[in-house]
C-alpha atoms as a PDB file:
ATOM      1  CA  UNK A   1      -0.174   0.481   0.036  1.00  0.00           C
ATOM      2  CA  UNK A   2       2.974   2.540   0.979  1.00  0.00           C
ATOM      3  CA  UNK A   3       4.480   1.676  -2.478  1.00  0.00           C
ATOM      4  CA  UNK A   4       1.535   2.506  -4.336  1.00  0.00           C
ATOM      5  CA  UNK A   5       0.857   5.689  -2.855  1.00  0.00           C
ATOM      6  CA  UNK A   6       4.170   6.692  -2.887  1.00  0.00           C
ATOM      7  CA  UNK A   7       3.874   6.069  -6.464  1.00  0.00           C
ATOM      8  CA  UNK A   8       0.804   8.316  -7.149  1.00  0.00           C
ATOM      9  CA  UNK A   9       2.684  11.257  -5.153  1.00  0.00           C
ATOM     10  CA  UNK A  10       5.559  11.313  -7.895  1.00  0.00           C
ATOM     11  CA  UNK A  11       3.065  11.197 -10.730  1.00  0.00           C
ATOM     12  CA  UNK A  12       1.671  14.013  -8.744  1.00  0.00           C
ATOM     13  CA  UNK A  13       4.702  15.964  -8.333  1.00  0.00           C
ATOM     14  CA  UNK A  14       5.960  15.579 -11.454  1.00  0.00           C
ATOM     15  CA  UNK A  15       2.928  16.361 -13.470  1.00  0.00           C
ATOM     16  CA  UNK A  16       2.523  19.784 -10.843  1.00  0.00           C
ATOM     17  CA  UNK A  17       6.184  20.667 -11.780  1.00  0.00           C
ATOM     18  CA  UNK A  18       5.507  20.123 -15.483  1.00  0.00           C
ATOM     19  CA  UNK A  19       2.680  22.731 -15.097  1.00  0.00           C
ATOM     20  CA  UNK A  20       4.343  25.263 -12.915  1.00  0.00           C
ATOM     21  CA  UNK A  21       7.579  25.116 -15.648  1.00  0.00           C
ATOM     22  CA  UNK A  22       4.937  25.385 -18.441  1.00  0.00           C
ATOM     23  CA  UNK A  23       3.551  28.553 -16.783  1.00  0.00           C
ATOM     24  CA  UNK A  24       7.226  29.665 -16.042  1.00  0.00           C
ATOM     25  CA  UNK A  25       7.945  29.260 -19.715  1.00  0.00           C
ATOM     26  CA  UNK A  26       4.995  31.362 -21.066  1.00  0.00           C
ATOM     27  CA  UNK A  27       5.633  33.881 -18.721  1.00  0.00           C
ATOM     28  CA  UNK A  28       9.112  34.395 -20.121  1.00  0.00           C
ATOM     29  CA  UNK A  29       7.451  34.087 -23.769  1.00  0.00           C
ATOM     30  CA  UNK A  30       5.385  37.036 -22.723  1.00  0.00           C
ATOM     31  CA  UNK A  31       7.946  39.214 -21.937  1.00  0.00           C
ATOM     32  CA  UNK A  32      10.116  38.748 -24.869  1.00  0.00           C
ATOM     33  CA  UNK A  33       6.945  38.883 -27.009  1.00  0.00           C
ATOM     34  CA  UNK A  34       6.363  42.360 -25.249  1.00  0.00           C
ATOM     35  CA  UNK A  35      10.287  43.795 -25.544  1.00  0.00           C
ATOM     36  CA  UNK A  36      10.230  43.035 -29.498  1.00  0.00           C
ATOM     37  CA  UNK A  37       6.986  44.543 -30.051  1.00  0.00           C
ATOM     38  CA  UNK A  38       5.465  41.094 -31.384  1.00  0.00           C
ATOM     39  CA  UNK A  39       2.271  41.273 -29.598  1.00  0.00           C
ATOM     40  CA  UNK A  40       0.403  44.556 -28.428  1.00  0.00           C
ATOM     41  CA  UNK A  41       0.006  45.627 -24.474  1.00  0.00           C
ATOM     42  CA  UNK A  42      -3.593  44.273 -24.099  1.00  0.00           C
ATOM     43  CA  UNK A  43      -2.197  40.741 -25.773  1.00  0.00           C
ATOM     44  CA  UNK A  44       0.423  40.480 -23.336  1.00  0.00           C
ATOM     45  CA  UNK A  45      -1.006  41.174 -20.593  1.00  0.00           C
ATOM     46  CA  UNK A  46      -3.163  38.734 -21.387  1.00  0.00           C
ATOM     47  CA  UNK A  47      -0.508  36.121 -22.079  1.00  0.00           C
ATOM     48  CA  UNK A  48       1.661  37.275 -19.203  1.00  0.00           C
ATOM     49  CA  UNK A  49      -0.893  37.248 -16.450  1.00  0.00           C
ATOM     50  CA  UNK A  50      -2.974  34.252 -17.962  1.00  0.00           C
ATOM     51  CA  UNK A  51       0.180  32.086 -17.545  1.00  0.00           C
ATOM     52  CA  UNK A  52       1.333  32.972 -14.503  1.00  0.00           C
ATOM     53  CA  UNK A  53      -1.388  31.932 -12.831  1.00  0.00           C
ATOM     54  CA  UNK A  54      -0.621  28.422 -14.044  1.00  0.00           C
ATOM     55  CA  UNK A  55       2.552  28.564 -11.735  1.00  0.00           C
ATOM     56  CA  UNK A  56       1.944  29.162  -7.707  1.00  0.00           C
ATOM     57  CA  UNK A  57      -1.009  26.039  -7.124  1.00  0.00           C
ATOM     58  CA  UNK A  58       1.239  23.521  -9.110  1.00  0.00           C
ATOM     59  CA  UNK A  59       4.411  24.792  -6.905  1.00  0.00           C
ATOM     60  CA  UNK A  60       2.464  24.565  -3.882  1.00  0.00           C
ATOM     61  CA  UNK A  61       1.533  20.706  -4.910  1.00  0.00           C
ATOM     62  CA  UNK A  62       5.046  20.184  -5.622  1.00  0.00           C
ATOM     63  CA  UNK A  63       6.529  21.508  -2.731  1.00  0.00           C
ATOM     64  CA  UNK A  64       3.777  19.487  -0.750  1.00  0.00           C
ATOM     65  CA  UNK A  65       5.065  16.207  -2.398  1.00  0.00           C
ATOM     66  CA  UNK A  66       8.091  16.949  -1.850  1.00  0.00           C
ATOM     67  CA  UNK A  67       7.533  16.986   2.219  1.00  0.00           C
ATOM     68  CA  UNK A  68       5.886  13.806   2.093  1.00  0.00           C
ATOM     69  CA  UNK A  69       8.665  11.977   0.285  1.00  0.00           C
ATOM     70  CA  UNK A  70      11.302  13.230   1.968  1.00  0.00           C
ATOM     71  CA  UNK A  71      13.156  12.057   5.361  1.00  0.00           C
ATOM     72  CA  UNK A  72      11.848  12.704   8.699  1.00  0.00           C
ATOM     73  CA  UNK A  73      14.767  14.495  10.215  1.00  0.00           C
ATOM     74  CA  UNK A  74      14.564  17.182   6.760  1.00  0.00           C
ATOM     75  CA  UNK A  75      10.737  17.759   7.122  1.00  0.00           C
ATOM     76  CA  UNK A  76      11.926  20.931   8.968  1.00  0.00           C
ATOM     77  CA  UNK A  77      13.226  22.828   5.825  1.00  0.00           C
ATOM     78  CA  UNK A  78      10.106  21.386   3.443  1.00  0.00           C
ATOM     79  CA  UNK A  79       7.779  22.890   5.821  1.00  0.00           C
ATOM     80  CA  UNK A  80       9.538  25.917   5.760  1.00  0.00           C
ATOM     81  CA  UNK A  81       9.566  25.729   2.002  1.00  0.00           C
ATOM     82  CA  UNK A  82       5.449  24.919   1.876  1.00  0.00           C
ATOM     83  CA  UNK A  83       5.025  28.236   4.188  1.00  0.00           C
ATOM     84  CA  UNK A  84       6.539  30.510   1.708  1.00  0.00           C
ATOM     85  CA  UNK A  85       4.645  28.457  -0.792  1.00  0.00           C
ATOM     86  CA  UNK A  86       1.382  29.808   0.599  1.00  0.00           C
ATOM     87  CA  UNK A  87       2.365  33.012   0.621  1.00  0.00           C
ATOM     88  CA  UNK A  88       3.654  33.089  -2.742  1.00  0.00           C
ATOM     89  CA  UNK A  89       0.832  31.060  -3.955  1.00  0.00           C
ATOM     90  CA  UNK A  90      -1.330  33.672  -2.254  1.00  0.00           C
ATOM     91  CA  UNK A  91       0.224  36.958  -3.052  1.00  0.00           C
ATOM     92  CA  UNK A  92       0.753  35.817  -7.040  1.00  0.00           C
ATOM     93  CA  UNK A  93      -3.038  34.335  -7.321  1.00  0.00           C
ATOM     94  CA  UNK A  94      -4.395  38.068  -5.560  1.00  0.00           C
ATOM     95  CA  UNK A  95      -2.315  40.054  -7.721  1.00  0.00           C
ATOM     96  CA  UNK A  96      -2.900  38.484 -10.720  1.00  0.00           C
ATOM     97  CA  UNK A  97      -6.703  38.714  -9.884  1.00  0.00           C
ATOM     98  CA  UNK A  98      -6.516  42.632  -8.999  1.00  0.00           C
ATOM     99  CA  UNK A  99      -4.140  43.792 -11.526  1.00  0.00           C
ATOM    100  CA  UNK A 100      -5.178  42.064 -14.774  1.00  0.00           C
ATOM    101  CA  UNK A 101      -8.756  43.588 -15.164  1.00  0.00           C
ATOM    102  CA  UNK A 102      -7.525  47.182 -14.362  1.00  0.00           C
ATOM    103  CA  UNK A 103      -4.218  46.481 -17.074  1.00  0.00           C
ATOM    104  CA  UNK A 104      -6.599  45.528 -19.478  1.00  0.00           C
ATOM    105  CA  UNK A 105      -8.672  48.451 -19.402  1.00  0.00           C
ATOM    106  CA  UNK A 106      -5.723  50.964 -19.058  1.00  0.00           C
ATOM    107  CA  UNK A 107      -4.285  48.856 -22.190  1.00  0.00           C
ATOM    108  CA  UNK A 108      -7.409  49.435 -23.885  1.00  0.00           C
ATOM    109  CA  UNK A 109      -7.635  53.292 -23.052  1.00  0.00           C
ATOM    110  CA  UNK A 110      -3.831  53.799 -24.514  1.00  0.00           C
ATOM    111  CA  UNK A 111      -2.684  54.890 -20.834  1.00  0.00           C
ATOM    112  CA  UNK A 112      -0.401  51.942 -19.898  1.00  0.00           C
ATOM    113  CA  UNK A 113       2.467  51.346 -22.326  1.00  0.00           C
ATOM    114  CA  UNK A 114       4.006  48.714 -20.540  1.00  0.00           C
ATOM    115  CA  UNK A 115       1.614  46.696 -18.973  1.00  0.00           C
ATOM    116  CA  UNK A 116       3.543  44.203 -17.415  1.00  0.00           C
ATOM    117  CA  UNK A 117       5.839  46.787 -15.437  1.00  0.00           C
ATOM    118  CA  UNK A 118       5.548  48.291 -12.315  1.00  0.00           C
ATOM    119  CA  UNK A 119       4.958  51.536 -13.831  1.00  0.00           C
ATOM    120  CA  UNK A 120       1.936  49.784 -15.648  1.00  0.00           C
ATOM    121  CA  UNK A 121       0.242  49.081 -12.020  1.00  0.00           C
ATOM    122  CA  UNK A 122       0.677  52.120 -10.796  1.00  0.00           C
ATOM    123  CA  UNK A 123      -0.509  54.124 -13.505  1.00  0.00           C
ATOM    124  CA  UNK A 124       3.191  55.750 -14.593  1.00  0.00           C
END
C-alpha cells in the first residue's frame, strides 16, 4: 500500500512541476514578446498574467509532495518551504486577479504603455 501511495505522490509531483514549468516559460515568452513588440499591450498582459496563474498552485503541490517523500529529519526545511509557497501562491493569485482587469482597461484606453511593468500597475 505504501509503495502505491508513494508512486501516486511522485506522479502528482511530476505533473505539478511540469505545469508550473509551462507557466514559467509562458511568462518568460510573454516578456520577450513585449520587449520585441511582437504583440500589443493587451495581448501581452493577457498572455503574461494568464500564464503566471499556472505557476503558484502547481508549485505549492510540488512542495507538498516533496514534504511527504523526504526523510523525517529534513521535514523542517520542507515545512518552511511550504509556508513560503503558501505566501507566494496567495500573493501571486491575488495580484493577478486584481491587476489583470485594471491593466486590461488601461491597455484598451491607451493609458498603459508597458502593462507587465510596475509602472503600468501604478499608472506611470
